[in-house]
Amino acid sequence: MIQRFIELGAGYSDLYELIETTQANAHRVSRFLILNTTINEREMSSFAVTMNPTDPGQFQAIYLCLEGIPAGESKRRELYEDLAKKLEKSIIELEVKSSAQFAEKELYFQYLTGILRMNRYLPPWQ
């Protein structure tokens, strides 16, 4: 199975694309994630949605708005939470390192994949 992060952007207007993509693929949605981190002493969040693998092809997408939404209550978080409720999914919230701590974004995505697999939010690599 191929698991890949698909970064939509930082999350200001990109969050609306994440919401639309999720609604259009509601039958494939597996989990909603909020990944919290600290960047330059500011608490920021990434919003992500994991999809069930495609059939055929066994491709599992993880759509992501990376570190662009201030942590805490906001209109954007409210929209995201409303979508999770509408699709009858809970939101998993995790504290993670910032992507700035990694030399390359691909290394950061490997780090996130490891955390998600360790917590069994993603299936193991096959």
N, C-alpha and C. Protein backbone atom coordinates (compact mmCIF):
# COMPACT_ATOMS: atom_id res chain seq x y z
N MET A 1 0.84 -1.18 0.00
CA MET A 1 0.00 0.00 0.00
C MET A 1 0.89 1.24 0.00
N ILE A 2 0.52 2.21 -0.80
CA ILE A 2 1.23 3.48 -0.84
C ILE A 2 0.42 4.47 0.00
N GLN A 3 1.10 5.09 0.96
CA GLN A 3 0.48 6.13 1.79
C GLN A 3 1.23 7.42 1.51
N ARG A 4 0.49 8.47 1.17
CA ARG A 4 1.15 9.72 0.81
C ARG A 4 0.39 10.92 1.35
N PHE A 5 1.16 11.86 1.91
CA PHE A 5 0.60 13.14 2.32
C PHE A 5 0.43 14.00 1.07
N ILE A 6 -0.73 14.61 0.95
CA ILE A 6 -0.99 15.55 -0.13
C ILE A 6 -1.24 16.89 0.53
N GLU A 7 -0.24 17.77 0.43
CA GLU A 7 -0.30 19.07 1.09
C GLU A 7 -1.10 20.04 0.23
N LEU A 8 -2.16 20.57 0.82
CA LEU A 8 -3.01 21.52 0.10
C LEU A 8 -2.56 22.95 0.30
N GLY A 9 -1.75 23.21 1.30
CA GLY A 9 -1.30 24.56 1.61
C GLY A 9 -1.26 24.77 3.10
N ALA A 10 -1.16 26.02 3.51
CA ALA A 10 -1.00 26.35 4.93
C ALA A 10 -2.31 26.31 5.70
N GLY A 11 -3.43 26.46 5.03
CA GLY A 11 -4.67 26.27 5.74
C GLY A 11 -5.61 27.44 5.81
N TYR A 12 -5.22 28.61 5.35
CA TYR A 12 -6.16 29.73 5.42
C TYR A 12 -7.28 29.53 4.42
N SER A 13 -7.03 29.65 3.15
CA SER A 13 -8.07 29.36 2.16
C SER A 13 -8.03 27.90 1.74
N ASP A 14 -6.90 27.25 1.96
CA ASP A 14 -6.76 25.84 1.57
C ASP A 14 -7.67 24.93 2.38
N LEU A 15 -8.05 25.36 3.56
CA LEU A 15 -8.95 24.57 4.38
C LEU A 15 -10.28 24.34 3.66
N TYR A 16 -10.73 25.32 2.89
CA TYR A 16 -11.98 25.16 2.15
C TYR A 16 -11.84 24.06 1.10
N GLU A 17 -10.67 23.94 0.49
CA GLU A 17 -10.43 22.85 -0.47
C GLU A 17 -10.41 21.51 0.26
N LEU A 18 -9.81 21.46 1.45
CA LEU A 18 -9.81 20.23 2.24
C LEU A 18 -11.24 19.82 2.57
N ILE A 19 -12.06 20.77 2.93
CA ILE A 19 -13.46 20.47 3.26
C ILE A 19 -14.20 19.96 2.03
N GLU A 20 -14.03 20.61 0.89
CA GLU A 20 -14.71 20.19 -0.34
C GLU A 20 -14.24 18.80 -0.78
N THR A 21 -12.93 18.56 -0.73
CA THR A 21 -12.38 17.27 -1.11
C THR A 21 -12.92 16.17 -0.20
N THR A 22 -13.01 16.47 1.07
CA THR A 22 -13.52 15.50 2.04
C THR A 22 -14.99 15.20 1.79
N GLN A 23 -15.78 16.24 1.55
CA GLN A 23 -17.20 16.02 1.28
C GLN A 23 -17.41 15.21 0.01
N ALA A 24 -16.61 15.50 -1.02
CA ALA A 24 -16.76 14.78 -2.28
C ALA A 24 -16.35 13.31 -2.16
N ASN A 25 -15.49 13.01 -1.18
CA ASN A 25 -15.01 11.64 -0.97
C ASN A 25 -15.46 11.10 0.39
N ALA A 26 -16.62 11.51 0.84
CA ALA A 26 -17.10 11.14 2.18
C ALA A 26 -17.10 9.63 2.40
N HIS A 27 -17.37 8.87 1.36
CA HIS A 27 -17.41 7.41 1.48
C HIS A 27 -16.03 6.81 1.75
N ARG A 28 -14.95 7.58 1.51
CA ARG A 28 -13.58 7.08 1.71
C ARG A 28 -12.92 7.60 2.98
N VAL A 29 -13.55 8.54 3.68
CA VAL A 29 -12.91 9.16 4.84
C VAL A 29 -12.70 8.14 5.95
N SER A 30 -11.47 8.13 6.45
CA SER A 30 -11.12 7.23 7.55
C SER A 30 -11.05 7.99 8.88
N ARG A 31 -10.24 9.07 8.91
CA ARG A 31 -10.03 9.81 10.16
C ARG A 31 -9.84 11.30 9.90
N PHE A 32 -10.18 12.07 10.92
CA PHE A 32 -9.89 13.50 10.96
C PHE A 32 -8.78 13.70 12.00
N LEU A 33 -7.78 14.49 11.65
CA LEU A 33 -6.65 14.73 12.54
C LEU A 33 -6.40 16.22 12.71
N ILE A 34 -6.04 16.61 13.92
CA ILE A 34 -5.49 17.94 14.18
C ILE A 34 -4.13 17.71 14.81
N LEU A 35 -3.10 18.21 14.13
CA LEU A 35 -1.72 18.04 14.59
C LEU A 35 -1.24 19.39 15.11
N ASN A 36 -1.04 19.49 16.40
CA ASN A 36 -0.63 20.74 17.03
C ASN A 36 0.88 20.81 17.20
N THR A 37 1.43 22.01 17.01
CA THR A 37 2.87 22.22 17.13
C THR A 37 3.13 23.65 17.57
N THR A 38 4.40 23.93 17.87
CA THR A 38 4.81 25.29 18.22
C THR A 38 5.82 25.77 17.18
N ILE A 39 5.55 26.94 16.61
CA ILE A 39 6.44 27.54 15.63
C ILE A 39 6.72 28.97 16.08
N ASN A 40 7.99 29.28 16.34
CA ASN A 40 8.37 30.62 16.82
C ASN A 40 7.52 31.07 17.99
N GLU A 41 7.34 30.17 18.95
CA GLU A 41 6.59 30.42 20.17
C GLU A 41 5.09 30.65 19.95
N ARG A 42 4.59 30.27 18.78
CA ARG A 42 3.15 30.36 18.49
C ARG A 42 2.60 28.95 18.35
N GLU A 43 1.48 28.71 18.97
CA GLU A 43 0.80 27.42 18.84
C GLU A 43 0.04 27.39 17.52
N MET A 44 0.39 26.42 16.66
CA MET A 44 -0.23 26.29 15.34
C MET A 44 -0.78 24.88 15.17
N SER A 45 -1.72 24.75 14.26
CA SER A 45 -2.33 23.44 13.99
C SER A 45 -2.30 23.12 12.51
N SER A 46 -2.18 21.84 12.23
CA SER A 46 -2.36 21.30 10.89
C SER A 46 -3.64 20.49 10.93
N PHE A 47 -4.46 20.63 9.92
CA PHE A 47 -5.68 19.83 9.80
C PHE A 47 -5.45 18.80 8.71
N ALA A 48 -5.82 17.56 8.98
CA ALA A 48 -5.60 16.48 8.01
C ALA A 48 -6.79 15.53 8.00
N VAL A 49 -6.97 14.89 6.86
CA VAL A 49 -8.00 13.87 6.70
C VAL A 49 -7.35 12.67 6.03
N THR A 50 -7.46 11.51 6.67
CA THR A 50 -6.94 10.29 6.05
C THR A 50 -8.10 9.60 5.34
N MET A 51 -7.77 9.09 4.18
CA MET A 51 -8.76 8.38 3.37
C MET A 51 -8.52 6.88 3.45
N ASN A 52 -9.54 6.10 3.25
CA ASN A 52 -9.36 4.66 3.11
C ASN A 52 -8.68 4.41 1.77
N PRO A 53 -7.91 3.34 1.67
CA PRO A 53 -7.18 3.05 0.42
C PRO A 53 -8.12 2.88 -0.78
N THR A 54 -7.60 3.26 -1.94
CA THR A 54 -8.36 3.06 -3.18
C THR A 54 -8.41 1.58 -3.51
N ASP A 55 -9.42 1.20 -4.27
CA ASP A 55 -9.52 -0.16 -4.74
C ASP A 55 -9.97 -0.12 -6.19
N PRO A 56 -9.14 -0.48 -7.13
CA PRO A 56 -7.82 -1.07 -6.99
C PRO A 56 -6.75 0.01 -6.75
N GLY A 57 -5.55 -0.44 -6.55
CA GLY A 57 -4.41 0.44 -6.43
C GLY A 57 -3.82 0.56 -5.05
N GLN A 58 -4.67 0.39 -4.03
CA GLN A 58 -4.21 0.46 -2.64
C GLN A 58 -3.39 1.73 -2.36
N PHE A 59 -3.91 2.88 -2.79
CA PHE A 59 -3.29 4.18 -2.52
C PHE A 59 -4.07 4.86 -1.42
N GLN A 60 -3.39 5.25 -0.34
CA GLN A 60 -4.04 5.91 0.78
C GLN A 60 -3.54 7.35 0.86
N ALA A 61 -4.44 8.28 0.60
CA ALA A 61 -4.11 9.70 0.66
C ALA A 61 -4.36 10.25 2.06
N ILE A 62 -3.48 11.17 2.46
CA ILE A 62 -3.67 11.93 3.69
C ILE A 62 -3.61 13.39 3.27
N TYR A 63 -4.77 14.02 3.17
CA TYR A 63 -4.83 15.42 2.76
C TYR A 63 -4.51 16.29 3.97
N LEU A 64 -3.70 17.33 3.74
CA LEU A 64 -3.14 18.08 4.85
C LEU A 64 -3.06 19.58 4.56
N CYS A 65 -3.52 20.38 5.51
CA CYS A 65 -3.27 21.82 5.54
C CYS A 65 -2.23 22.02 6.64
N LEU A 66 -1.01 22.36 6.26
CA LEU A 66 0.15 22.28 7.14
C LEU A 66 0.43 23.55 7.92
N GLU A 67 0.30 23.47 9.24
CA GLU A 67 0.80 24.45 10.21
C GLU A 67 0.41 25.89 9.93
N GLY A 68 -0.76 26.11 9.40
CA GLY A 68 -1.14 27.48 9.06
C GLY A 68 -2.31 28.02 9.85
N ILE A 69 -2.84 27.23 10.76
CA ILE A 69 -4.04 27.65 11.49
C ILE A 69 -3.67 27.81 12.96
N PRO A 70 -3.88 29.00 13.52
CA PRO A 70 -3.58 29.18 14.94
C PRO A 70 -4.37 28.18 15.80
N ALA A 71 -3.69 27.58 16.77
CA ALA A 71 -4.33 26.60 17.65
C ALA A 71 -5.41 27.29 18.48
N GLY A 72 -6.36 26.51 18.91
CA GLY A 72 -7.45 27.05 19.72
C GLY A 72 -8.70 27.25 18.87
N GLU A 73 -9.66 27.89 19.47
CA GLU A 73 -10.95 28.10 18.82
C GLU A 73 -10.83 29.12 17.69
N SER A 74 -11.43 28.79 16.56
CA SER A 74 -11.46 29.71 15.43
C SER A 74 -12.60 29.27 14.51
N LYS A 75 -12.96 30.13 13.58
CA LYS A 75 -14.01 29.80 12.62
C LYS A 75 -13.58 28.61 11.75
N ARG A 76 -12.29 28.58 11.39
CA ARG A 76 -11.80 27.47 10.55
C ARG A 76 -11.89 26.14 11.30
N ARG A 77 -11.50 26.14 12.56
CA ARG A 77 -11.60 24.92 13.36
C ARG A 77 -13.06 24.50 13.50
N GLU A 78 -13.93 25.47 13.68
CA GLU A 78 -15.36 25.17 13.80
C GLU A 78 -15.90 24.51 12.53
N LEU A 79 -15.49 25.01 11.36
CA LEU A 79 -15.90 24.40 10.09
C LEU A 79 -15.42 22.95 9.98
N TYR A 80 -14.18 22.74 10.39
CA TYR A 80 -13.58 21.40 10.36
C TYR A 80 -14.32 20.46 11.31
N GLU A 81 -14.59 20.93 12.51
CA GLU A 81 -15.32 20.12 13.50
C GLU A 81 -16.73 19.81 13.03
N ASP A 82 -17.39 20.79 12.40
CA ASP A 82 -18.74 20.57 11.88
C ASP A 82 -18.75 19.48 10.81
N LEU A 83 -17.73 19.48 9.96
CA LEU A 83 -17.64 18.46 8.92
C LEU A 83 -17.45 17.07 9.54
N ALA A 84 -16.59 16.99 10.54
CA ALA A 84 -16.37 15.70 11.22
C ALA A 84 -17.68 15.20 11.84
N LYS A 85 -18.43 16.09 12.46
CA LYS A 85 -19.73 15.69 13.04
C LYS A 85 -20.69 15.23 11.97
N LYS A 86 -20.73 15.98 10.86
CA LYS A 86 -21.63 15.64 9.76
C LYS A 86 -21.32 14.24 9.22
N LEU A 87 -20.04 13.89 9.16
CA LEU A 87 -19.63 12.57 8.66
C LEU A 87 -19.54 11.52 9.77
N GLU A 88 -19.95 11.91 10.98
CA GLU A 88 -19.97 11.01 12.14
C GLU A 88 -18.61 10.41 12.44
N LYS A 89 -17.59 11.28 12.42
CA LYS A 89 -16.21 10.89 12.73
C LYS A 89 -15.72 11.74 13.89
N SER A 90 -14.89 11.14 14.73
CA SER A 90 -14.27 11.91 15.80
C SER A 90 -12.97 12.51 15.28
N ILE A 91 -12.47 13.51 15.98
CA ILE A 91 -11.22 14.16 15.60
C ILE A 91 -10.14 13.70 16.56
N ILE A 92 -9.04 13.25 16.01
CA ILE A 92 -7.89 12.83 16.80
C ILE A 92 -6.92 14.01 16.84
N GLU A 93 -6.55 14.41 18.04
CA GLU A 93 -5.66 15.56 18.21
C GLU A 93 -4.35 15.08 18.81
N LEU A 94 -3.24 15.44 18.16
CA LEU A 94 -1.90 15.02 18.59
C LEU A 94 -0.95 16.22 18.66
N GLU A 95 0.02 16.14 19.56
CA GLU A 95 1.11 17.11 19.63
C GLU A 95 2.28 16.53 18.84
N VAL A 96 2.80 17.28 17.88
CA VAL A 96 3.90 16.81 17.05
C VAL A 96 4.97 17.89 16.93
N LYS A 97 6.12 17.50 16.41
CA LYS A 97 7.19 18.45 16.13
C LYS A 97 6.79 19.33 14.95
N SER A 98 7.43 20.47 14.85
CA SER A 98 7.22 21.36 13.71
C SER A 98 7.98 20.85 12.49
N SER A 99 7.44 21.12 11.32
CA SER A 99 8.14 20.72 10.09
C SER A 99 9.45 21.48 9.93
N ALA A 100 9.59 22.62 10.60
CA ALA A 100 10.83 23.41 10.53
C ALA A 100 12.00 22.69 11.17
N GLN A 101 11.72 21.69 11.98
CA GLN A 101 12.78 20.93 12.65
C GLN A 101 13.39 19.86 11.75
N PHE A 102 12.91 19.76 10.51
CA PHE A 102 13.37 18.73 9.59
C PHE A 102 14.00 19.40 8.37
N ALA A 103 15.06 18.80 7.87
CA ALA A 103 15.79 19.37 6.74
C ALA A 103 14.95 19.37 5.46
N GLU A 104 14.08 18.39 5.32
CA GLU A 104 13.24 18.27 4.13
C GLU A 104 11.82 17.92 4.55
N LYS A 105 10.88 18.40 3.79
CA LYS A 105 9.47 18.12 4.09
C LYS A 105 9.18 16.63 4.02
N GLU A 106 9.84 15.91 3.12
CA GLU A 106 9.62 14.47 3.00
C GLU A 106 10.01 13.74 4.29
N LEU A 107 11.07 14.21 4.96
CA LEU A 107 11.46 13.63 6.25
C LEU A 107 10.39 13.89 7.31
N TYR A 108 9.81 15.07 7.27
CA TYR A 108 8.73 15.40 8.20
C TYR A 108 7.54 14.48 7.96
N PHE A 109 7.19 14.25 6.70
CA PHE A 109 6.07 13.37 6.41
C PHE A 109 6.35 11.94 6.85
N GLN A 110 7.60 11.49 6.76
CA GLN A 110 7.97 10.17 7.27
C GLN A 110 7.80 10.11 8.79
N TYR A 111 8.18 11.19 9.47
CA TYR A 111 8.01 11.30 10.92
C TYR A 111 6.52 11.18 11.27
N LEU A 112 5.67 11.94 10.58
CA LEU A 112 4.23 11.88 10.85
C LEU A 112 3.66 10.50 10.55
N THR A 113 4.10 9.90 9.47
CA THR A 113 3.64 8.55 9.13
C THR A 113 3.97 7.58 10.25
N GLY A 114 5.19 7.67 10.78
CA GLY A 114 5.59 6.81 11.89
C GLY A 114 4.71 6.99 13.11
N ILE A 115 4.40 8.23 13.45
CA ILE A 115 3.53 8.50 14.60
C ILE A 115 2.14 7.93 14.36
N LEU A 116 1.61 8.15 13.17
CA LEU A 116 0.26 7.68 12.86
C LEU A 116 0.20 6.15 12.82
N ARG A 117 1.24 5.51 12.33
CA ARG A 117 1.27 4.04 12.33
C ARG A 117 1.43 3.50 13.75
N MET A 118 2.29 4.13 14.53
CA MET A 118 2.53 3.68 15.90
C MET A 118 1.23 3.72 16.73
N ASN A 119 0.41 4.74 16.48
CA ASN A 119 -0.86 4.88 17.18
C ASN A 119 -2.00 4.14 16.49
N ARG A 120 -1.66 3.42 15.41
CA ARG A 120 -2.60 2.62 14.64
C ARG A 120 -3.70 3.45 13.98
N TYR A 121 -3.35 4.70 13.63
CA TYR A 121 -4.26 5.56 12.87
C TYR A 121 -4.07 5.35 11.37
N LEU A 122 -2.93 4.76 11.01
CA LEU A 122 -2.66 4.31 9.64
C LEU A 122 -2.29 2.85 9.71
N PRO A 123 -2.67 2.06 8.69
CA PRO A 123 -2.27 0.66 8.71
C PRO A 123 -0.78 0.52 8.48
N PRO A 124 -0.16 -0.58 8.93
CA PRO A 124 1.27 -0.77 8.73
C PRO A 124 1.63 -0.87 7.26
N TRP A 125 2.89 -0.57 6.99
CA TRP A 125 3.39 -0.66 5.63
C TRP A 125 3.39 -2.11 5.20
N GLN A 126 3.01 -2.37 3.96
CA GLN A 126 2.94 -3.76 3.47
C GLN A 126 3.87 -3.94 2.30
